[in-house]
Protein backbone atom coordinates (compact mmCIF):
# COMPACT_ATOMS: atom_id res chain seq x y z
CA MET A 1 110.09 -98.60 -0.67
CA LYS A 2 113.71 -97.33 -2.28
CA ARG A 3 115.95 -99.72 -0.50
CA ILE A 4 116.09 -102.42 -3.50
CA PHE A 5 112.87 -104.70 -2.96
CA THR A 6 109.81 -105.34 -4.91
CA LEU A 7 106.11 -104.74 -2.87
CA PHE A 8 102.96 -104.62 -5.06
CA VAL A 9 100.63 -102.31 -3.03
CA PHE A 10 96.79 -102.49 -2.82
CA VAL A 11 95.23 -99.34 -1.98
CA LEU A 12 93.08 -100.40 0.52
CA GLY A 13 96.38 -101.20 2.97
CA ALA A 14 97.63 -97.91 1.80
CA MET A 15 94.85 -95.30 3.42
CA LEU A 16 96.66 -94.29 6.60
CA PHE A 17 99.08 -91.73 5.77
CA VAL A 18 102.78 -90.17 8.03
CA ALA A 19 103.70 -87.28 7.25
CA CYS A 20 107.31 -86.34 7.98
CA GLU A 21 107.77 -83.14 10.22
CA LYS A 22 108.65 -79.91 9.25
CA VAL A 23 112.12 -78.75 9.96
CA VAL A 24 112.50 -75.91 12.28
CA GLY A 25 115.87 -74.10 11.72
CA GLY A 26 118.26 -72.68 14.20
CA ASP A 27 119.29 -69.20 14.53
CA THR A 28 119.28 -66.46 11.37
CA THR A 29 120.25 -63.71 10.57
CA THR A 30 118.33 -60.92 8.68
CA ASN A 31 119.26 -57.74 7.22
CA ASN A 32 115.75 -57.16 6.24
CA ASP A 33 113.60 -54.67 9.04
CA GLN A 34 110.37 -54.35 6.74
CA THR A 35 109.41 -58.03 6.23
CA GLY A 36 107.07 -60.13 7.38
CA GLN A 37 103.96 -58.42 9.26
CA GLU A 38 105.24 -55.15 8.48
CA GLY A 39 105.74 -55.47 4.74
CA ARG A 40 102.66 -57.62 3.68
CA PRO A 41 100.03 -55.48 2.07
CA GLU A 42 97.13 -53.74 3.84
CA ASP A 43 94.54 -55.86 2.17
CA ALA A 44 95.68 -59.33 4.14
CA LYS A 45 93.62 -61.92 1.80
CA LYS A 46 95.81 -61.27 -0.97
CA GLU A 47 97.94 -64.25 -2.09
CA TYR A 48 101.30 -64.16 -3.74
CA THR A 49 103.30 -66.77 -5.14
CA LEU A 50 107.01 -66.60 -4.76
CA THR A 51 109.88 -67.20 -7.43
CA LEU A 52 113.23 -66.54 -7.87
CA THR A 53 114.03 -65.02 -11.27
CA THR A 54 118.13 -65.97 -11.42
CA PRO A 55 119.54 -69.14 -11.20
CA SER A 56 119.55 -71.28 -7.70
CA VAL A 57 123.53 -71.42 -7.88
CA MET A 58 125.74 -68.67 -7.73
CA GLU A 59 129.60 -68.49 -7.80
CA PHE A 60 132.27 -66.36 -6.54
CA ALA A 61 135.84 -66.46 -6.90
CA VAL A 62 138.19 -66.43 -4.00
CA GLU A 63 138.36 -62.21 -3.76
CA GLY A 64 134.76 -62.18 -3.35
CA GLY A 65 132.22 -59.49 -4.39
CA MET A 66 128.50 -58.14 -4.74
CA GLY A 67 126.08 -60.62 -5.57
CA GLU A 68 121.67 -60.10 -6.16
CA ILE A 69 119.22 -62.40 -6.37
CA GLY A 70 116.60 -61.53 -8.12
CA TYR A 71 113.01 -62.84 -7.42
CA THR A 72 109.40 -61.97 -7.98
CA LEU A 73 105.67 -62.03 -5.72
CA THR A 74 103.46 -62.55 -7.81
CA GLU A 75 99.73 -61.74 -6.63
CA VAL A 76 97.79 -64.59 -7.40
CA THR A 77 93.54 -63.52 -8.77
CA ARG A 78 91.26 -65.56 -8.90
CA ALA A 79 89.16 -65.63 -12.07
CA ASN A 80 86.05 -65.90 -10.55
CA GLU A 81 86.23 -63.06 -7.72
CA THR A 82 84.92 -60.85 -10.77
CA PRO A 83 83.16 -63.11 -13.16
CA ASP A 84 82.16 -60.55 -15.57
CA VAL A 85 85.67 -59.41 -16.40
CA ASP A 86 88.18 -61.56 -18.43
CA ILE A 87 90.91 -61.41 -15.70
CA PRO A 88 93.95 -63.34 -16.09
CA GLU A 89 94.88 -65.86 -13.25
CA GLU A 90 98.11 -64.38 -12.11
CA GLU A 91 98.99 -60.41 -11.86
CA PRO A 92 102.82 -59.30 -11.38
CA VAL A 93 102.56 -57.16 -8.57
CA THR A 94 106.85 -56.10 -8.34
CA GLY A 95 108.60 -53.36 -10.92
CA ASP A 96 107.77 -50.74 -12.05
CA SER A 97 103.98 -51.23 -13.03
CA ALA A 98 103.29 -52.46 -9.20
CA ALA A 99 104.58 -48.63 -8.50
CA ASP A 100 102.06 -46.97 -10.51
CA ASP A 101 99.29 -48.55 -8.20
CA GLU A 102 100.64 -48.24 -4.72
CA PRO A 103 103.73 -47.71 -2.93
CA GLU A 104 106.91 -49.63 -2.76
CA GLU A 105 106.95 -49.59 0.90
CA LYS A 106 103.85 -51.02 1.01
CA LEU A 107 104.51 -54.53 -1.66
CA PRO A 108 104.92 -57.42 -0.14
CA LEU A 109 108.88 -58.23 0.89
CA PRO A 110 110.21 -61.76 1.53
CA GLU A 111 112.28 -62.54 4.59
CA VAL A 112 115.88 -63.41 4.13
CA ALA A 113 118.21 -65.76 6.14
CA CYS A 114 121.80 -66.81 5.99
CA GLU A 115 124.03 -68.65 8.60
CA ALA A 116 127.04 -67.47 7.09
CA GLU A 117 129.53 -64.85 8.33
CA TRP A 118 131.57 -64.50 5.04
CA ILE A 119 128.00 -62.84 2.88
CA THR A 120 127.28 -59.64 4.50
CA ASP A 121 125.08 -56.29 3.96
CA ILE A 122 122.08 -58.40 2.66
CA ALA A 123 119.66 -55.52 1.59
CA VAL A 124 115.94 -56.29 0.27
CA SER A 125 114.11 -54.08 -2.25
CA SER A 126 110.91 -55.49 -4.45
CA LYS A 127 112.88 -56.97 -7.27
CA ALA A 128 115.82 -57.97 -5.52
CA VAL A 129 118.13 -59.42 -2.57
CA GLU A 130 121.79 -57.81 -2.52
CA PHE A 131 124.59 -59.22 -0.61
CA LYS A 132 128.29 -59.28 -0.43
CA VAL A 133 130.64 -62.11 -0.06
CA LEU A 134 133.74 -61.38 1.60
CA PRO A 135 137.36 -62.47 0.36
CA GLY A 136 137.76 -66.37 0.53
CA THR A 137 140.15 -68.20 3.14
CA GLY A 138 141.80 -70.42 0.48
CA GLU A 139 139.18 -73.13 0.69
CA GLU A 140 135.94 -73.41 -1.41
CA ARG A 141 133.22 -73.27 1.07
CA GLU A 142 129.38 -73.01 0.40
CA ALA A 143 126.24 -71.39 2.04
CA LEU A 144 122.51 -71.11 1.56
CA VAL A 145 120.61 -67.82 1.21
CA ALA A 146 117.04 -68.44 2.03
CA LEU A 147 113.90 -66.31 0.74
CA SER A 148 110.62 -66.90 2.17
CA TYR A 149 107.12 -65.59 2.42
CA GLU A 150 104.86 -67.34 4.39
CA ASP A 151 104.50 -70.64 3.80
CA GLN A 152 106.68 -70.58 0.75
CA LYS A 153 110.34 -70.81 0.80
CA VAL A 154 113.15 -70.63 -1.82
CA GLN A 155 116.65 -71.05 -1.42
CA VAL A 156 120.26 -70.38 -3.57
CA LEU A 157 123.19 -72.18 -3.09
CA VAL A 158 126.11 -69.30 -2.83
CA ARG A 159 129.70 -71.26 -3.63
CA GLN A 160 133.02 -69.74 -3.61
CA LYS A 161 135.70 -71.00 -5.24
CA GLY A 162 139.39 -71.48 -2.98
CA ASP A 163 142.48 -72.94 -3.99
CA ASP A 164 142.78 -76.17 -6.08
CA VAL A 165 139.83 -78.42 -4.34
CA GLU A 166 141.38 -82.23 -4.14
CA TYR A 167 138.60 -84.79 -3.65
CA ASP A 168 138.89 -88.40 -2.23
CA VAL A 169 136.32 -89.38 -5.18
CA GLU A 170 136.13 -87.87 -8.76
CA PHE A 171 133.01 -90.00 -10.20
CA ARG A 172 131.64 -88.97 -13.54
CA ALA A 173 128.48 -90.33 -14.02
CA ASN A 174 127.30 -91.44 -17.62
CA TYR A 175 123.24 -92.20 -16.78
CA LEU A 176 120.63 -90.43 -14.77
CA ASN A 177 117.54 -92.53 -13.87
CA GLY A 178 114.97 -92.80 -11.11
CA SER A 179 111.41 -92.28 -10.73
CA TYR A 180 108.80 -89.34 -9.50
CA TYR A 181 106.97 -90.25 -6.38
CA GLY A 182 104.50 -87.37 -6.03
CA LYS A 183 103.61 -85.69 -2.69
CA LEU A 184 102.37 -88.51 -0.56
CA SER A 185 102.60 -87.77 3.08
CA THR A 186 105.29 -85.43 2.65
CA TYR A 187 105.88 -81.60 2.19
CA GLY A 188 107.87 -81.60 -0.79
CA PHE A 189 107.87 -83.74 -3.91
CA ASN A 190 109.36 -86.76 -4.24
CA TYR A 191 111.71 -87.34 -7.03
CA PHE A 192 114.21 -90.68 -6.49
CA ILE A 193 117.54 -90.53 -9.01
CA ILE A 194 120.21 -92.85 -9.49
CA LEU A 195 123.23 -91.57 -11.01
CA SER A 196 125.50 -94.19 -12.18
CA ASP A 197 128.27 -95.38 -14.81
CA MET A 198 126.10 -98.41 -16.00
CA GLY A 199 122.49 -97.42 -15.96
CA ALA A 200 119.82 -98.93 -14.10
CA GLU A 201 116.71 -100.37 -15.62
CA ASN A 202 114.38 -100.41 -12.49
CA GLN A 203 114.87 -99.29 -8.86
CA ASN A 204 116.24 -102.77 -8.02
CA ASP A 205 118.89 -102.76 -10.54
CA THR A 206 122.05 -103.14 -8.64
CA TYR A 207 124.58 -103.04 -11.53
CA GLY A 208 127.59 -100.73 -11.35
CA THR A 209 128.25 -98.19 -9.13
CA GLN A 210 125.24 -96.20 -8.19
CA TYR A 211 124.70 -92.70 -6.24
CA ARG A 212 121.17 -93.04 -4.73
CA PHE A 213 119.24 -89.79 -3.43
CA ASP A 214 115.58 -89.24 -2.61
CA LEU A 215 115.58 -85.26 -3.40
CA TYR A 216 112.36 -83.41 -2.11
CA ALA A 217 111.53 -80.18 -4.20
CA GLY A 218 109.05 -77.64 -4.40
CA GLU A 219 107.68 -78.40 -7.72
CA SER A 220 105.67 -81.04 -8.99
CA SER A 221 105.80 -82.77 -12.43
CA ILE A 222 102.31 -84.65 -12.35
CA PHE A 223 100.59 -84.83 -15.82
CA GLU A 224 103.76 -83.98 -17.51
CA PRO A 225 104.90 -86.96 -20.03
CA VAL A 226 108.23 -86.71 -18.77
CA ASP A 227 109.38 -86.49 -15.55
CA TYR A 228 112.52 -84.09 -15.40
CA VAL A 229 114.71 -83.01 -11.94
CA PRO A 230 113.82 -79.75 -10.66
CA GLU A 231 116.59 -77.29 -10.59
CA GLY A 232 117.86 -76.23 -7.18
CA VAL A 233 119.85 -77.40 -4.42
CA TYR A 234 119.38 -80.23 -2.04
CA VAL A 235 120.88 -80.61 1.28
CA PHE A 236 119.78 -83.50 4.46
CA GLY A 237 116.76 -82.68 5.48
CA GLU A 238 113.04 -84.10 6.64
CA CYS A 239 111.19 -84.08 3.60
CA THR A 240 110.59 -80.30 2.86
CA PRO A 241 111.33 -78.71 -0.92
CA GLY A 242 115.52 -78.67 -1.06
CA THR A 243 116.45 -81.55 1.12
CA ILE A 244 117.52 -85.24 0.80
CA ASP A 245 116.22 -87.75 2.75
CA ALA A 246 119.06 -89.64 4.19
CA SER A 247 117.64 -92.89 4.95
CA GLN A 248 116.68 -93.26 1.51
CA SER A 249 120.16 -91.94 0.27
CA TYR A 250 123.05 -94.13 -0.12
CA CYS A 251 126.14 -95.53 -2.71
CA LEU A 252 125.64 -98.78 -4.46
CA THR A 253 129.69 -99.49 -4.98
CA ALA A 254 130.65 -101.83 -7.80
CA ASN A 255 131.43 -105.05 -5.52
CA GLY A 256 127.90 -104.75 -3.80
CA ASN A 257 128.59 -103.04 -0.71
CA ASP A 258 125.72 -100.70 0.03
CA VAL A 259 127.37 -97.14 2.09
CA ASP A 260 125.12 -94.63 3.44
CA PHE A 261 126.29 -90.97 3.30
CA ALA A 262 127.09 -88.76 6.18
CA SER A 263 126.08 -85.68 4.28
CA ALA A 264 125.83 -84.72 1.07
CA THR A 265 124.50 -82.06 -1.15
CA VAL A 266 123.49 -82.08 -5.02
CA THR A 267 123.27 -78.85 -7.25
CA VAL A 268 120.75 -79.15 -10.27
CA THR A 269 121.23 -76.86 -12.70
CA GLU A 270 120.43 -76.76 -16.62
CA ASN A 271 121.48 -80.06 -18.26
CA LYS A 272 123.84 -80.56 -15.19
CA ILE A 273 123.84 -82.31 -11.70
CA VAL A 274 127.07 -82.18 -9.56
CA ALA A 275 126.52 -83.86 -6.04
CA VAL A 276 129.27 -83.54 -3.28
CA VAL A 277 128.76 -86.03 -0.56
CA ARG A 278 130.97 -86.91 2.39
CA MET A 279 130.83 -90.59 2.97
CA MET A 280 130.95 -92.21 6.48
CA ASN A 281 134.56 -93.61 6.54
CA GLY A 282 135.67 -89.77 6.04
CA GLU A 283 135.87 -89.99 2.28
CA VAL A 284 134.82 -86.84 -0.21
CA HIS A 285 133.04 -87.84 -3.14
CA ARG A 286 131.83 -85.47 -6.16
CA VAL A 287 129.75 -86.96 -8.58
CA THR A 288 129.11 -84.94 -12.16
CA TYR A 289 126.49 -85.54 -14.48
CA GLU A 290 125.89 -84.08 -17.71
CA GLY A 291 122.80 -84.11 -19.89
CA SER A 292 119.04 -84.53 -19.69
CA LEU A 293 117.26 -84.14 -16.68
CA ALA A 294 114.34 -86.16 -17.80
CA LEU A 295 114.08 -89.36 -15.45
CA ASP A 296 113.34 -93.01 -16.40
CA TYR A 297 115.01 -96.30 -16.36
CA LEU A 298 116.40 -98.37 -18.97
CA GLU A 299 113.29 -101.01 -19.36
CA PRO A 300 109.68 -100.66 -19.06
CA THR A 301 108.28 -100.15 -15.54
CA ALA A 302 105.14 -100.70 -14.23
CA GLU A 303 104.13 -96.92 -15.01
CA ASP A 304 104.80 -97.98 -19.00
CA VAL A 305 102.17 -100.87 -19.63
CA ALA A 306 98.54 -100.85 -18.57
CA HIS A 307 97.31 -102.18 -15.84
CA SER A 308 93.87 -102.96 -15.93
CA ALA A 309 92.28 -106.29 -15.03
CA LEU A 310 88.97 -105.98 -16.98
CA THR A 311 88.29 -108.49 -19.79
CA SER A 312 85.24 -106.63 -20.73
CA ASP A 313 83.13 -103.46 -20.47
CA VAL A 314 81.42 -102.78 -16.58
CA ASN A 315 78.47 -101.00 -15.62
CA PHE A 316 77.89 -100.41 -11.91
CA ASN A 317 74.83 -98.89 -9.71
CA VAL A 318 75.54 -99.23 -6.18
CA THR A 319 73.19 -97.34 -3.85
CA GLY A 320 73.29 -96.68 0.02
CA GLY A 321 77.32 -96.95 -0.46
CA SER A 322 80.14 -95.54 1.87
CA ILE A 323 82.21 -92.55 1.12
CA ASN A 324 85.23 -91.26 2.72
CA ALA A 325 86.32 -87.54 1.84
CA TYR A 326 89.86 -86.57 2.40
CA TYR A 327 90.76 -82.93 1.46
CA ARG A 328 94.69 -82.39 0.14
CA GLY A 329 95.08 -78.86 -0.42
CA ASP A 330 97.17 -78.28 -3.06
CA TYR A 331 98.39 -81.70 -3.55
CA PHE A 332 99.43 -81.38 -7.12
CA GLY A 333 101.28 -77.89 -6.70
CA LYS A 334 99.01 -76.71 -9.70
CA GLY A 335 97.16 -73.88 -7.35
CA VAL A 336 94.03 -75.76 -6.71
CA ASP A 337 92.76 -77.93 -3.87
CA VAL A 338 92.46 -81.50 -4.03
CA TRP A 339 89.54 -83.71 -2.65
CA PHE A 340 90.77 -87.87 -2.96
CA LEU A 341 87.50 -89.90 -2.43
CA HIS A 342 87.24 -93.26 -1.92
CA MET A 343 84.16 -95.14 -1.43
CA VAL A 344 82.83 -99.24 -0.98
CA GLU A 345 79.04 -100.73 -1.48
CA ASN A 346 79.70 -102.66 1.59
CA THR A 347 81.54 -101.93 4.85
CA VAL A 348 80.20 -104.68 7.35
CA GLY A 349 83.18 -107.52 7.78
CA GLY A 350 85.46 -105.26 5.74
CA TYR A 351 85.31 -103.61 2.20
CA SER A 352 83.60 -105.54 -0.36
CA GLY A 353 81.56 -104.79 -3.82
CA ASP A 354 82.54 -102.24 -5.82
CA TYR A 355 84.74 -99.95 -5.22
CA LEU A 356 85.98 -96.08 -6.71
CA MET A 357 88.49 -93.88 -5.66
CA MET A 358 89.33 -90.61 -7.32
CA ASP A 359 91.56 -87.08 -6.64
CA LEU A 360 89.49 -84.03 -8.01
CA MET A 361 90.29 -80.60 -8.48
CA VAL A 362 88.87 -77.72 -7.32
CA ASP A 363 88.85 -74.22 -6.96
CA LYS A 364 90.27 -72.88 -3.91
CA SER A 365 87.65 -70.30 -3.44
CA GLU A 366 85.35 -72.93 -3.00
CA GLY A 367 86.58 -72.69 1.02
CA GLY A 368 89.08 -75.85 1.30
CA TYR A 369 88.19 -78.16 4.30
CA ASP A 370 85.69 -75.83 5.66
CA ASN A 371 83.27 -76.70 2.60
CA LYS A 372 82.56 -80.43 2.75
CA ASP A 373 80.67 -80.14 -0.68
CA ALA A 374 83.31 -78.48 -2.45
CA PHE A 375 83.62 -81.52 -4.58
CA VAL A 376 80.22 -81.55 -6.09
CA GLY A 377 81.00 -80.77 -9.42
CA VAL A 378 81.71 -82.15 -13.24
CA TYR A 379 85.47 -83.05 -13.69
CA SER A 380 87.08 -84.05 -17.05
CA LYS A 381 90.73 -85.25 -17.47
CA ALA A 382 94.09 -83.63 -16.35
CA ASP A 383 96.55 -83.75 -18.58
CA ASN A 384 100.07 -81.89 -19.67
CA THR A 385 98.03 -79.67 -22.34
CA THR A 386 95.26 -78.39 -19.63
CA GLU A 387 96.06 -74.73 -18.32
CA ASN A 388 93.37 -74.25 -15.63
CA TYR A 389 93.32 -77.54 -13.25
CA VAL A 390 89.80 -76.46 -11.80
CA ASP A 391 87.16 -79.26 -12.22
CA HIS A 392 89.69 -81.74 -13.53
CA PHE A 393 90.24 -85.35 -12.02
CA ALA A 394 93.67 -87.27 -12.08
CA PRO A 395 93.36 -90.34 -14.58
CA GLY A 396 94.79 -93.34 -12.62
CA TYR A 397 98.04 -95.15 -13.10
CA MET A 398 100.51 -97.79 -11.51
CA ARG A 399 103.60 -96.11 -9.97
CA VAL A 400 106.90 -97.70 -10.30
CA ASP A 401 106.43 -99.20 -6.61
CA TYR A 402 103.07 -100.69 -7.48
CA MET A 403 100.94 -98.12 -5.99
CA GLN A 404 97.18 -97.01 -7.60
CA MET A 405 97.28 -93.77 -7.80
CA HIS A 406 94.51 -91.15 -8.22
CA THR A 407 91.77 -92.67 -9.97
CA TRP A 408 90.52 -95.85 -10.27
CA PHE A 409 87.52 -98.80 -10.19
CA ALA A 410 87.44 -101.73 -8.73
CA ASN A 411 84.86 -104.60 -8.66
CA ASP A 412 83.76 -107.66 -6.69
CA LEU A 413 85.87 -107.14 -3.84
CA LYS A 414 86.83 -110.13 -1.90
CA SER A 415 85.62 -111.92 -4.60
CA GLU A 416 87.15 -114.34 -7.38
CA ASN A 417 86.25 -112.02 -9.65
CA GLU A 418 87.65 -109.21 -8.63
CA ALA A 419 89.32 -106.71 -10.89
CA TRP A 420 91.46 -103.36 -11.03
CA ALA A 421 91.43 -100.72 -13.61
CA PRO A 422 92.58 -96.91 -14.03
CA PHE A 423 90.08 -94.59 -14.56
CA VAL A 424 91.91 -92.74 -17.59
CA ASP A 425 89.31 -90.84 -19.51
CA GLY A 426 86.08 -89.52 -19.72
CA ASN A 427 83.81 -87.66 -17.32
CA ILE A 428 83.04 -87.66 -13.01
CA THR A 429 79.69 -85.67 -12.23
CA ILE A 430 79.05 -85.37 -8.67
CA THR A 431 75.93 -84.45 -7.26
CA LYS A 432 73.85 -84.15 -3.86
CA GLU A 433 70.48 -84.13 -2.73
CA GLY A 434 70.38 -83.97 1.33
CA ASP A 435 72.81 -86.12 2.73
CA ILE A 436 73.49 -88.32 -0.48
CA PHE A 437 76.04 -87.70 -2.93
CA THR A 438 75.97 -89.39 -6.16
CA ILE A 439 78.91 -90.07 -8.32
CA THR A 440 78.75 -90.85 -11.94
CA MET A 441 81.47 -92.28 -14.04
CA ASP A 442 81.42 -92.73 -18.00
CA GLY A 443 84.88 -92.98 -19.69
CA ILE A 444 87.45 -95.72 -19.97
CA ASP A 445 90.16 -97.81 -18.73
CA ASP A 446 94.22 -98.05 -19.84
CA LYS A 447 92.74 -101.29 -22.34
CA GLY A 448 89.91 -99.23 -23.46
CA ASN A 449 87.25 -101.14 -21.74
CA LYS A 450 84.19 -99.03 -20.87
CA ILE A 451 83.56 -97.92 -17.16
CA GLN A 452 80.30 -96.29 -16.44
CA GLY A 453 77.59 -96.48 -13.64
CA SER A 454 76.75 -94.67 -10.65
CA PHE A 455 77.72 -94.63 -7.20
CA SER A 456 75.13 -93.06 -4.12
CA GLY A 457 76.29 -93.25 -0.69
CA THR A 458 76.86 -90.92 2.32
CA VAL A 459 80.17 -89.68 3.75
CA ILE A 460 81.19 -91.67 6.72
CA ASP A 461 84.56 -89.96 7.48
CA TYR A 462 86.07 -86.57 6.35
CA GLN A 463 89.54 -86.07 7.07
CA ASN A 464 92.02 -82.66 6.65
CA GLN A 465 95.33 -84.53 5.05
CA ALA A 466 96.70 -81.28 3.80
CA TYR A 467 100.43 -80.81 3.46
CA ASP A 468 100.62 -77.20 1.49
CA LEU A 469 104.07 -75.98 0.83
């Protein structure tokens, strides 16, 4: 997809999803005797969000010294648990305020792992992880300190300076371009970035020297008007947050060669990206970029133009249709469950007639995949102003690789009048009577054409496609 070719992908041909397998790490060392199950609160039903409160990159002089990684474990409180009381969605449970309610030893603590022998004396408290960096050997060295709590993981790159380091190639990138691809079939949110000296007009552009990195982060930029590369440290891995997909990361040289990386580390901090890459021939390149972390190309792409093929308003009325309902967990990283529905009027002899697809966001308290009726409700459009994503749909758009995403309508499939249109604003209402679900849409496409009508049918297939972080 990112190896420089253009492909138009229709959604009907993209219904199979293949996930990258999670990485199972090697032996790690922890200096926390109260982590894991022993450090969890007595109420096992509580949910917590793990967040760093200090930078994800820490640098030390060759002499070494003491370091401290700040973090919070924030209790997620469901607003509908006490409907008569106005409660904020998140309530911090670390620090002095939490100590008033329960002893510190009962607070959840993350597990800490680091494989570097020169990082020692790791100690974990309810606010921070302290450690010691031993004096250096004269060469620059790096190591990751990973904090994890249940399925969540954050990591900090500890870099110790050595004597003056000389790289085989020092490359200063003047441009940052690329695309955000979302979480499709992965455990992390996918950002494809290009660092270059001449800029990239689109993903197929081969001008100048380009270092291309396929990054996976734990942070989503869906619904944001501009996509930004998330700060953090990225190393070769298997599509989990904080990793680089080696198969889609490479260098395009000025003479047109396509050179793979043997290894790479990409460090993203505020307004700066530093990549240290070992090439297949043994050369070590350091690529430096300073400027905005906003991702975009130099010319309009598929994401920037209207894609509706409708020439007028449409009104549809389907009965006896077929519905597929796929549960995707926290697919958007917004703390809500996502149900992807796609439905078609006729299935005999292949899909034909009117077709709908939509991504719907519901409260996690609805029961997840176990509640097969969780998506019954009324939904409005989600955007960057949305504060609570419950009962919202993701508006349709065309991804830069021409994949239709989120909420779309199509009429007269497999006919000369076939037309696709993204549903970008309005309301979606879903009701159920017996085994029959009825989906009503009232809104517009990206050219202002009205899309109105109802679709009634039964669910012929449920699938659990959740890849929660």
